[in-house]
């Protein structure tokens, strides 16, 4: 891409934003990833600054665009780019489990996804049940 095309794309993205729906967020991310693939790292840094989004937002949307797993579940993705980003951070195994368990849903929030992920990492695939237990001691404590 030449400098004129990059400037035009940056102005377009700056005016449109990253998207209001899961489909538009995903499309914007794919567009960023395609531009990154076609430009040098220095030109891409300039492009990123011309878009004028917060660096964290830009990075999240770019990460979303690079995640090929998301397209297959577009109808189930939440509209929040932050929630979609939380899904894109999952390992392939965790992502498959999230799909199977219904975590990937249009109503999922960042907190819901993050809490589920932390619980899964803490307990693995084990089903965690609380079992009440009463202990007695032979001697008084």
C-alpha atoms as a PDB file:
ATOM      1  CA  UNK A   1       0.000   0.000   0.000  1.00  0.00           C
ATOM      2  CA  UNK A   2       1.244   3.452  -0.779  1.00  0.00           C
ATOM      3  CA  UNK A   3       1.139   6.409   1.603  1.00  0.00           C
ATOM      4  CA  UNK A   4      -1.967   7.884  -0.050  1.00  0.00           C
ATOM      5  CA  UNK A   5      -3.907   4.623   0.337  1.00  0.00           C
ATOM      6  CA  UNK A   6      -2.837   4.346   3.975  1.00  0.00           C
ATOM      7  CA  UNK A   7      -3.916   7.903   4.740  1.00  0.00           C
ATOM      8  CA  UNK A   8      -7.259   7.323   3.042  1.00  0.00           C
ATOM      9  CA  UNK A   9      -7.802   4.078   4.989  1.00  0.00           C
ATOM     10  CA  UNK A  10      -6.786   5.767   8.254  1.00  0.00           C
ATOM     11  CA  UNK A  11      -9.267   8.626   7.731  1.00  0.00           C
ATOM     12  CA  UNK A  12     -12.010   6.151   6.863  1.00  0.00           C
ATOM     13  CA  UNK A  13     -11.357   4.052   9.975  1.00  0.00           C
ATOM     14  CA  UNK A  14     -11.047   7.136  12.182  1.00  0.00           C
ATOM     15  CA  UNK A  15     -14.451   8.384  11.032  1.00  0.00           C
ATOM     16  CA  UNK A  16     -16.245   5.011  11.090  1.00  0.00           C
ATOM     17  CA  UNK A  17     -14.877   3.654  14.329  1.00  0.00           C
ATOM     18  CA  UNK A  18     -14.253   0.000  15.046  1.00  0.00           C
ATOM     19  CA  UNK A  19     -17.861  -1.130  14.727  1.00  0.00           C
ATOM     20  CA  UNK A  20     -21.158  -1.383  16.541  1.00  0.00           C
ATOM     21  CA  UNK A  21     -21.796  -5.080  15.916  1.00  0.00           C
ATOM     22  CA  UNK A  22     -19.756  -8.260  16.117  1.00  0.00           C
ATOM     23  CA  UNK A  23     -19.685  -8.468  12.309  1.00  0.00           C
ATOM     24  CA  UNK A  24     -18.418  -4.912  11.900  1.00  0.00           C
ATOM     25  CA  UNK A  25     -15.799  -5.324  14.652  1.00  0.00           C
ATOM     26  CA  UNK A  26     -14.567  -8.506  12.990  1.00  0.00           C
ATOM     27  CA  UNK A  27     -14.489  -6.855   9.554  1.00  0.00           C
ATOM     28  CA  UNK A  28     -12.593  -3.867  10.920  1.00  0.00           C
ATOM     29  CA  UNK A  29     -10.082  -6.175  12.581  1.00  0.00           C
ATOM     30  CA  UNK A  30      -9.588  -8.108   9.360  1.00  0.00           C
ATOM     31  CA  UNK A  31      -9.058  -4.848   7.519  1.00  0.00           C
ATOM     32  CA  UNK A  32      -6.381  -3.793  10.011  1.00  0.00           C
ATOM     33  CA  UNK A  33      -4.680  -7.189   9.733  1.00  0.00           C
ATOM     34  CA  UNK A  34      -4.695  -6.986   5.929  1.00  0.00           C
ATOM     35  CA  UNK A  35      -3.193  -3.502   6.022  1.00  0.00           C
ATOM     36  CA  UNK A  36      -0.521  -4.679   8.456  1.00  0.00           C
ATOM     37  CA  UNK A  37       0.372  -7.544   6.116  1.00  0.00           C
ATOM     38  CA  UNK A  38       0.776  -5.137   3.183  1.00  0.00           C
ATOM     39  CA  UNK A  39       2.880  -2.479   4.902  1.00  0.00           C
ATOM     40  CA  UNK A  40       6.224  -2.143   6.601  1.00  0.00           C
ATOM     41  CA  UNK A  41       6.299  -1.942  10.409  1.00  0.00           C
ATOM     42  CA  UNK A  42       7.255   1.754  10.225  1.00  0.00           C
ATOM     43  CA  UNK A  43       4.428   2.592   7.826  1.00  0.00           C
ATOM     44  CA  UNK A  44       1.982   0.640   9.969  1.00  0.00           C
ATOM     45  CA  UNK A  45       3.021   2.641  13.071  1.00  0.00           C
ATOM     46  CA  UNK A  46       2.317   5.857  11.175  1.00  0.00           C
ATOM     47  CA  UNK A  47      -1.008   4.437   9.982  1.00  0.00           C
ATOM     48  CA  UNK A  48      -1.944   3.462  13.552  1.00  0.00           C
ATOM     49  CA  UNK A  49      -1.274   6.990  14.775  1.00  0.00           C
ATOM     50  CA  UNK A  50      -3.315   8.468  11.899  1.00  0.00           C
ATOM     51  CA  UNK A  51      -6.327   6.339  12.847  1.00  0.00           C
ATOM     52  CA  UNK A  52      -6.229   8.109  16.230  1.00  0.00           C
ATOM     53  CA  UNK A  53      -7.841   5.348  18.275  1.00  0.00           C
ATOM     54  CA  UNK A  54      -6.499   4.625  21.716  1.00  0.00           C
ATOM     55  CA  UNK A  55      -3.539   2.221  21.279  1.00  0.00           C
ATOM     56  CA  UNK A  56      -5.233  -0.459  23.404  1.00  0.00           C
ATOM     57  CA  UNK A  57      -8.414  -0.328  21.306  1.00  0.00           C
ATOM     58  CA  UNK A  58      -6.389  -0.521  18.087  1.00  0.00           C
ATOM     59  CA  UNK A  59      -4.405  -3.494  19.407  1.00  0.00           C
ATOM     60  CA  UNK A  60      -7.536  -5.353  20.552  1.00  0.00           C
ATOM     61  CA  UNK A  61      -9.344  -4.879  17.243  1.00  0.00           C
ATOM     62  CA  UNK A  62      -6.216  -5.968  15.340  1.00  0.00           C
ATOM     63  CA  UNK A  63      -5.944  -9.106  17.490  1.00  0.00           C
ATOM     64  CA  UNK A  64      -9.612  -9.867  16.785  1.00  0.00           C
ATOM     65  CA  UNK A  65      -8.964  -9.533  13.055  1.00  0.00           C
ATOM     66  CA  UNK A  66      -6.150 -12.067  13.203  1.00  0.00           C
ATOM     67  CA  UNK A  67      -8.196 -14.740  15.002  1.00  0.00           C
ATOM     68  CA  UNK A  68      -9.549 -17.133  12.377  1.00  0.00           C
ATOM     69  CA  UNK A  69     -11.706 -19.006  14.918  1.00  0.00           C
ATOM     70  CA  UNK A  70     -14.118 -16.117  15.367  1.00  0.00           C
ATOM     71  CA  UNK A  71     -15.622 -16.106  11.861  1.00  0.00           C
ATOM     72  CA  UNK A  72     -17.216 -19.542  12.337  1.00  0.00           C
ATOM     73  CA  UNK A  73     -19.066 -18.292  15.418  1.00  0.00           C
ATOM     74  CA  UNK A  74     -20.026 -14.825  14.209  1.00  0.00           C
ATOM     75  CA  UNK A  75     -23.728 -15.254  14.971  1.00  0.00           C
ATOM     76  CA  UNK A  76     -22.874 -16.114  18.600  1.00  0.00           C
ATOM     77  CA  UNK A  77     -20.348 -13.340  19.241  1.00  0.00           C
ATOM     78  CA  UNK A  78     -21.204 -10.412  21.504  1.00  0.00           C
ATOM     79  CA  UNK A  79     -21.194  -6.934  19.979  1.00  0.00           C
ATOM     80  CA  UNK A  80     -18.584  -5.666  22.448  1.00  0.00           C
ATOM     81  CA  UNK A  81     -15.076  -5.560  21.005  1.00  0.00           C
ATOM     82  CA  UNK A  82     -13.684  -6.079  24.508  1.00  0.00           C
ATOM     83  CA  UNK A  83     -15.722  -9.262  24.983  1.00  0.00           C
ATOM     84  CA  UNK A  84     -14.707 -10.540  21.539  1.00  0.00           C
ATOM     85  CA  UNK A  85     -11.095  -9.740  22.425  1.00  0.00           C
ATOM     86  CA  UNK A  86     -11.425 -11.781  25.645  1.00  0.00           C
ATOM     87  CA  UNK A  87     -12.558 -14.730  23.513  1.00  0.00           C
ATOM     88  CA  UNK A  88      -9.650 -14.245  21.111  1.00  0.00           C
ATOM     89  CA  UNK A  89      -7.196 -14.575  24.006  1.00  0.00           C
ATOM     90  CA  UNK A  90      -8.402 -18.097  24.802  1.00  0.00           C
ATOM     91  CA  UNK A  91      -6.270 -21.055  23.783  1.00  0.00           C
ATOM     92  CA  UNK A  92      -7.709 -23.309  21.089  1.00  0.00           C
ATOM     93  CA  UNK A  93      -8.675 -25.860  23.737  1.00  0.00           C
ATOM     94  CA  UNK A  94     -10.367 -23.265  25.932  1.00  0.00           C
ATOM     95  CA  UNK A  95     -12.088 -21.669  22.940  1.00  0.00           C
ATOM     96  CA  UNK A  96     -13.524 -25.053  21.894  1.00  0.00           C
ATOM     97  CA  UNK A  97     -14.719 -25.629  25.470  1.00  0.00           C
ATOM     98  CA  UNK A  98     -16.236 -22.132  25.584  1.00  0.00           C
ATOM     99  CA  UNK A  99     -18.196 -22.889  22.414  1.00  0.00           C
ATOM    100  CA  UNK A 100     -19.326 -26.275  23.754  1.00  0.00           C
ATOM    101  CA  UNK A 101     -20.365 -24.842  27.121  1.00  0.00           C
ATOM    102  CA  UNK A 102     -22.250 -21.899  25.604  1.00  0.00           C
ATOM    103  CA  UNK A 103     -19.818 -19.274  26.872  1.00  0.00           C
ATOM    104  CA  UNK A 104     -19.527 -17.930  23.320  1.00  0.00           C
ATOM    105  CA  UNK A 105     -22.868 -16.160  23.141  1.00  0.00           C
ATOM    106  CA  UNK A 106     -24.209 -12.823  22.033  1.00  0.00           C
ATOM    107  CA  UNK A 107     -24.907 -11.890  25.659  1.00  0.00           C
ATOM    108  CA  UNK A 108     -21.447 -12.760  27.028  1.00  0.00           C
ATOM    109  CA  UNK A 109     -19.619  -9.954  28.787  1.00  0.00           C
ATOM    110  CA  UNK A 110     -15.904  -9.466  29.324  1.00  0.00           C
ATOM    111  CA  UNK A 111     -16.319 -10.278  32.990  1.00  0.00           C
ATOM    112  CA  UNK A 112     -18.329 -13.442  32.308  1.00  0.00           C
ATOM    113  CA  UNK A 113     -15.728 -14.711  29.820  1.00  0.00           C
ATOM    114  CA  UNK A 114     -12.796 -13.782  32.049  1.00  0.00           C
ATOM    115  CA  UNK A 115     -14.353 -15.372  35.141  1.00  0.00           C
ATOM    116  CA  UNK A 116     -15.101 -18.552  33.200  1.00  0.00           C
ATOM    117  CA  UNK A 117     -11.540 -18.655  31.850  1.00  0.00           C
ATOM    118  CA  UNK A 118      -9.984 -18.142  35.286  1.00  0.00           C
ATOM    119  CA  UNK A 119     -12.181 -20.839  36.801  1.00  0.00           C
ATOM    120  CA  UNK A 120     -11.267 -23.224  34.005  1.00  0.00           C
ATOM    121  CA  UNK A 121      -7.546 -22.526  34.460  1.00  0.00           C
ATOM    122  CA  UNK A 122      -7.801 -22.934  38.209  1.00  0.00           C
ATOM    123  CA  UNK A 123      -9.768 -26.181  38.131  1.00  0.00           C
ATOM    124  CA  UNK A 124      -8.966 -27.557  34.702  1.00  0.00           C
ATOM    125  CA  UNK A 125     -11.623 -29.819  33.289  1.00  0.00           C
ATOM    126  CA  UNK A 126     -12.628 -31.104  36.703  1.00  0.00           C
ATOM    127  CA  UNK A 127     -16.138 -30.508  37.890  1.00  0.00           C
ATOM    128  CA  UNK A 128     -15.895 -28.605  41.110  1.00  0.00           C
ATOM    129  CA  UNK A 129     -18.483 -29.459  43.747  1.00  0.00           C
ATOM    130  CA  UNK A 130     -18.591 -28.223  47.277  1.00  0.00           C
ATOM    131  CA  UNK A 131     -19.113 -31.016  49.751  1.00  0.00           C
ATOM    132  CA  UNK A 132     -20.167 -30.111  53.279  1.00  0.00           C
ATOM    133  CA  UNK A 133     -18.060 -31.877  55.851  1.00  0.00           C
ATOM    134  CA  UNK A 134     -18.228 -32.079  59.634  1.00  0.00           C
ATOM    135  CA  UNK A 135     -15.164 -33.066  61.599  1.00  0.00           C
ATOM    136  CA  UNK A 136     -14.936 -34.112  65.227  1.00  0.00           C
ATOM    137  CA  UNK A 137     -11.893 -34.203  67.405  1.00  0.00           C
ATOM    138  CA  UNK A 138     -11.204 -36.598  70.270  1.00  0.00           C
ATOM    139  CA  UNK A 139      -9.787 -33.813  72.367  1.00  0.00           C
ATOM    140  CA  UNK A 140     -11.213 -30.371  72.928  1.00  0.00           C
ATOM    141  CA  UNK A 141      -9.585 -27.722  70.777  1.00  0.00           C
END
